[in-house]
Amino acid sequence: MKTTLTICTLALLLASGFLVAEDKKPQAGLKKAFINGQGAGWKLLTLADFENVNCAKDTWSEKGGTIYCTGKPVGVTRSKKTYKNFEMVAEWRHMKPAGNSGIFLWAPDASFTGLKPGQLPRGGIEVQVLDLEYETRYEKKNGKKSDWFTSHGDVFPVGTSKMKPFAPVSKNGRRSFPSKRLTLGVEKWNHYYIRGINGEVRLWVNGEEVSGGEDCRPAMGFMALESEGSPVEFRNMRIRELP
């Protein structure tokens, strides 16, 4: 009976897209749970699922399953469809120190209207994709730690959109700061798992939940990938729409 139960439990985890990996830090017998986007209902997202809004023709490209962004000009490529309730996974890495990018969620159509190169959407919930050196340079320049952003997975509303951030919260009250600092540095792949349900968004960075918010308005809209001045790459982007 015990053996049968173990096998059934493992099968359920695999069907749900869960991978369990040992945490290799010395103090841990703890484990991290990764969702890999495999299983029923999951769909691979490629560059063909997005459309260029205000970037150059060569800003975004795809090869061998990896989406490449030059970072120039500043702008976005937007999903061809809107999403309400969903879960998604994405791996990303910056190719130069202090690189900046992001994944926009629930951005309304009006937030893209008339965007010129160099501009970003006027609405949506942004999941920050920021290299560690960005924060380091800020600290060196200002002689203090930042109280309004981090490089470890901030989640925050943009423009006309609203969100009540989960603690810890930035000093200006707008951003959900990560509860742990888990982001890896330049040229290293990071894993994001994002879940958006009924106006609540939660972010897992490299296997652990760190930030999010609730009462997001609007809670339906487009997804977008951000070009913001530095080369960044995305791969293994998958999404599963939920009821």
Protein backbone atom coordinates (compact mmCIF):
# COMPACT_ATOMS: atom_id res chain seq x y z
CA MET A 1 0.00 0.00 0.00
CA LYS A 2 2.80 2.43 0.89
CA THR A 3 4.62 1.72 -2.38
CA THR A 4 1.42 2.23 -4.39
CA LEU A 5 0.73 5.54 -2.65
CA THR A 6 4.24 6.78 -3.37
CA ILE A 7 3.96 5.94 -7.05
CA CYS A 8 0.55 7.63 -7.33
CA THR A 9 1.85 10.75 -5.61
CA LEU A 10 4.85 10.93 -7.95
CA ALA A 11 2.60 10.54 -10.97
CA LEU A 12 0.39 13.41 -9.82
CA LEU A 13 3.39 15.68 -9.34
CA LEU A 14 4.74 14.90 -12.78
CA ALA A 15 1.35 15.44 -14.40
CA SER A 16 1.09 18.85 -12.77
CA GLY A 17 4.48 19.93 -14.11
CA PHE A 18 6.30 19.83 -10.79
CA LEU A 19 9.98 18.98 -10.61
CA VAL A 20 11.51 18.68 -7.18
CA ALA A 21 15.20 19.46 -6.95
CA GLU A 22 17.52 19.23 -3.99
CA ASP A 23 18.69 22.58 -2.64
CA LYS A 24 22.48 22.28 -2.74
CA LYS A 25 23.12 24.90 -0.07
CA PRO A 26 24.91 23.38 2.93
CA GLN A 27 22.22 24.11 5.51
CA ALA A 28 19.45 22.48 3.57
CA GLY A 29 17.72 19.28 3.73
CA LEU A 30 14.99 21.54 2.33
CA LYS A 31 13.81 21.16 -1.24
CA LYS A 32 12.78 23.65 -3.90
CA ALA A 33 9.72 22.99 -6.06
CA PHE A 34 10.06 23.90 -9.73
CA ILE A 35 7.18 23.98 -12.18
CA ASN A 36 8.52 23.22 -15.66
CA GLY A 37 5.44 23.95 -17.75
CA GLN A 38 4.96 20.37 -18.89
CA GLY A 39 1.68 18.50 -18.80
CA ALA A 40 -1.95 18.93 -19.78
CA GLY A 41 -2.99 22.43 -20.81
CA TRP A 42 0.50 23.93 -21.05
CA LYS A 43 1.43 25.76 -24.28
CA LEU A 44 4.88 26.74 -25.47
CA LEU A 45 5.20 30.47 -26.19
CA THR A 46 7.40 31.43 -29.13
CA LEU A 47 8.07 34.78 -30.76
CA ALA A 48 5.24 33.95 -33.18
CA ASP A 49 2.82 34.38 -30.26
CA PHE A 50 3.86 38.04 -29.95
CA GLU A 51 3.70 41.09 -32.20
CA ASN A 52 6.13 43.99 -32.32
CA VAL A 53 4.62 47.18 -30.90
CA ASN A 54 7.29 49.89 -31.08
CA CYS A 55 10.68 48.21 -31.48
CA ALA A 56 12.87 47.90 -34.57
CA LYS A 57 12.47 44.94 -36.91
CA ASP A 58 15.67 43.36 -35.59
CA THR A 59 15.09 44.06 -31.87
CA TRP A 60 13.48 40.66 -31.36
CA SER A 61 14.54 37.38 -32.95
CA GLU A 62 14.35 33.68 -32.19
CA LYS A 63 16.72 30.80 -32.79
CA GLY A 64 16.89 27.29 -31.36
CA GLY A 65 14.04 27.95 -28.94
CA THR A 66 15.59 31.09 -27.45
CA ILE A 67 14.09 34.57 -27.90
CA TYR A 68 16.77 37.23 -28.28
CA CYS A 69 16.33 40.94 -27.59
CA THR A 70 18.95 43.54 -28.49
CA GLY A 71 17.52 45.99 -25.97
CA LYS A 72 17.34 48.77 -28.56
CA PRO A 73 15.22 50.73 -28.90
CA VAL A 74 13.27 50.72 -25.64
CA GLY A 75 9.85 49.21 -26.29
CA VAL A 76 7.86 45.97 -26.18
CA THR A 77 6.59 43.01 -28.13
CA ARG A 78 3.01 42.16 -27.14
CA SER A 79 1.11 38.88 -26.98
CA LYS A 80 -1.39 38.41 -29.78
CA LYS A 81 -4.10 37.42 -27.30
CA THR A 82 -5.25 38.53 -23.88
CA TYR A 83 -5.08 36.48 -20.69
CA LYS A 84 -7.09 36.49 -17.47
CA ASN A 85 -6.27 33.55 -15.19
CA PHE A 86 -3.06 31.72 -15.98
CA GLU A 87 0.22 30.29 -14.79
CA MET A 88 3.44 30.63 -16.76
CA VAL A 89 7.10 29.77 -16.61
CA ALA A 90 10.03 31.52 -18.25
CA GLU A 91 13.79 31.38 -18.10
CA TRP A 92 15.75 34.56 -18.70
CA ARG A 93 19.28 35.92 -18.54
CA HIS A 94 20.96 39.25 -19.13
CA MET A 95 24.01 39.30 -21.36
CA LYS A 96 25.56 42.53 -20.02
CA PRO A 97 25.92 43.83 -16.45
CA ALA A 98 23.12 46.10 -15.18
CA GLY A 99 20.69 44.91 -17.85
CA ASN A 100 17.02 45.85 -17.47
CA SER A 101 13.88 44.16 -18.78
CA GLY A 102 10.53 42.89 -17.60
CA ILE A 103 7.44 40.81 -18.28
CA PHE A 104 4.19 42.79 -18.40
CA LEU A 105 0.92 41.13 -17.36
CA TRP A 106 -2.70 42.23 -17.77
CA ALA A 107 -1.78 45.30 -19.83
CA PRO A 108 -4.90 46.92 -21.35
CA ASP A 109 -5.08 47.57 -25.08
CA ALA A 110 -5.13 51.34 -24.55
CA SER A 111 -1.72 51.20 -22.84
CA PHE A 112 -0.09 50.37 -26.20
CA THR A 113 -1.91 52.92 -28.35
CA GLY A 114 0.42 55.32 -30.11
CA LEU A 115 3.58 54.10 -28.38
CA LYS A 116 6.69 55.46 -30.05
CA PRO A 117 10.17 53.88 -29.92
CA GLY A 118 11.67 54.66 -26.54
CA GLN A 119 8.35 54.38 -24.70
CA LEU A 120 6.88 51.62 -22.52
CA PRO A 121 3.23 50.60 -21.98
CA ARG A 122 1.12 52.96 -19.92
CA GLY A 123 -0.49 50.13 -17.94
CA GLY A 124 -0.04 46.57 -16.73
CA ILE A 125 1.60 44.69 -13.88
CA GLU A 126 5.35 44.41 -14.37
CA VAL A 127 7.39 41.48 -13.16
CA GLN A 128 10.91 42.93 -13.04
CA VAL A 129 13.76 41.24 -14.92
CA LEU A 130 16.84 43.07 -13.67
CA ASP A 131 20.54 42.18 -13.47
CA LEU A 132 22.24 42.35 -10.08
CA GLU A 133 24.75 44.96 -11.24
CA TYR A 134 21.96 47.50 -11.74
CA GLU A 135 21.36 47.60 -8.01
CA THR A 136 25.09 47.47 -7.21
CA ARG A 137 25.80 50.51 -9.38
CA TYR A 138 22.96 52.43 -7.78
CA GLU A 139 24.40 51.76 -4.33
CA LYS A 140 27.90 52.83 -5.36
CA LYS A 141 26.62 56.00 -6.99
CA ASN A 142 24.32 57.03 -4.13
CA GLY A 143 26.23 55.61 -1.18
CA LYS A 144 23.16 53.78 0.13
CA LYS A 145 20.92 50.86 -0.63
CA SER A 146 17.89 51.41 -2.83
CA ASP A 147 14.56 51.74 -1.04
CA TRP A 148 12.46 51.78 -4.22
CA PHE A 149 13.70 48.80 -6.27
CA THR A 150 15.69 45.56 -6.06
CA SER A 151 17.25 43.21 -8.60
CA HIS A 152 15.51 40.11 -7.27
CA GLY A 153 11.97 40.04 -8.66
CA ASP A 154 9.96 43.16 -7.84
CA VAL A 155 6.28 43.09 -8.85
CA PHE A 156 4.50 46.41 -9.34
CA PRO A 157 1.72 48.23 -11.25
CA VAL A 158 2.61 50.47 -14.18
CA GLY A 159 0.83 53.67 -15.18
CA THR A 160 -2.95 53.41 -14.97
CA SER A 161 -2.96 49.90 -13.48
CA LYS A 162 -3.45 49.28 -9.75
CA MET A 163 -2.19 46.63 -7.33
CA LYS A 164 -1.98 46.13 -3.58
CA PRO A 165 1.58 44.78 -3.10
CA PHE A 166 2.43 41.93 -0.78
CA ALA A 167 4.95 42.66 1.99
CA PRO A 168 7.74 43.53 2.10
CA VAL A 169 6.79 46.74 0.32
CA SER A 170 9.04 49.44 -1.14
CA LYS A 171 9.23 52.77 0.70
CA ASN A 172 7.04 54.46 -1.90
CA GLY A 173 4.38 51.79 -1.30
CA ARG A 174 4.10 50.69 -4.92
CA ARG A 175 6.31 47.63 -5.24
CA SER A 176 6.25 44.20 -3.70
CA PHE A 177 9.87 43.56 -2.76
CA PRO A 178 11.15 39.96 -2.78
CA SER A 179 11.21 38.18 0.57
CA LYS A 180 14.43 36.44 -0.53
CA ARG A 181 17.26 37.45 -2.85
CA LEU A 182 17.61 34.54 -5.27
CA THR A 183 18.41 36.07 -8.67
CA LEU A 184 21.57 34.86 -10.42
CA GLY A 185 23.98 37.24 -12.16
CA VAL A 186 24.80 38.14 -15.75
CA GLU A 187 24.81 35.31 -18.36
CA LYS A 188 23.22 32.88 -15.86
CA TRP A 189 19.73 31.51 -16.49
CA ASN A 190 17.02 32.41 -13.98
CA HIS A 191 13.70 30.58 -13.64
CA TYR A 192 10.43 32.45 -13.08
CA TYR A 193 7.09 30.88 -12.28
CA ILE A 194 4.25 33.42 -12.37
CA ARG A 195 0.66 32.76 -11.36
CA GLY A 196 -2.15 35.23 -11.99
CA ILE A 197 -5.62 34.35 -10.70
CA ASN A 198 -8.59 36.67 -10.15
CA GLY A 199 -6.47 39.78 -9.81
CA GLU A 200 -3.79 38.20 -7.63
CA VAL A 201 -0.27 37.69 -8.97
CA ARG A 202 2.52 35.67 -7.35
CA LEU A 203 6.15 35.22 -8.43
CA TRP A 204 8.56 32.35 -7.73
CA VAL A 205 12.26 33.04 -8.46
CA ASN A 206 14.45 29.98 -8.98
CA GLY A 207 12.03 27.72 -7.15
CA GLU A 208 10.84 29.89 -4.24
CA GLU A 209 7.90 32.27 -3.94
CA VAL A 210 9.19 35.79 -3.23
CA SER A 211 6.74 38.54 -4.23
CA GLY A 212 3.34 39.47 -5.62
CA GLY A 213 0.18 41.44 -5.06
CA GLU A 214 -3.61 41.43 -5.01
CA ASP A 215 -6.53 43.57 -6.16
CA CYS A 216 -4.86 44.10 -9.52
CA ARG A 217 -6.91 46.26 -11.85
CA PRO A 218 -7.40 45.50 -14.63
CA ALA A 219 -6.97 41.76 -14.12
CA MET A 220 -7.18 40.82 -17.78
CA GLY A 221 -5.10 41.99 -20.69
CA PHE A 222 -2.05 41.47 -22.83
CA MET A 223 1.33 40.09 -21.88
CA ALA A 224 4.45 41.86 -23.13
CA LEU A 225 8.22 41.37 -23.14
CA GLU A 226 10.29 44.47 -22.51
CA SER A 227 13.28 45.82 -24.41
CA GLU A 228 15.04 48.34 -22.20
CA GLY A 229 18.52 49.16 -23.41
CA SER A 230 20.49 45.94 -22.92
CA PRO A 231 20.53 42.47 -24.52
CA VAL A 232 18.36 39.90 -22.76
CA GLU A 233 17.30 36.36 -23.65
CA PHE A 234 14.20 34.29 -22.86
CA ARG A 235 13.62 30.57 -23.28
CA ASN A 236 11.24 27.79 -22.20
CA MET A 237 8.35 30.23 -21.96
CA ARG A 238 5.16 28.27 -21.35
CA ILE A 239 1.68 29.23 -20.27
CA ARG A 240 -1.41 27.43 -19.06
CA GLU A 241 -4.73 29.26 -19.00
CA LEU A 242 -6.91 28.62 -15.95
CA PRO A 243 -10.67 28.91 -15.37
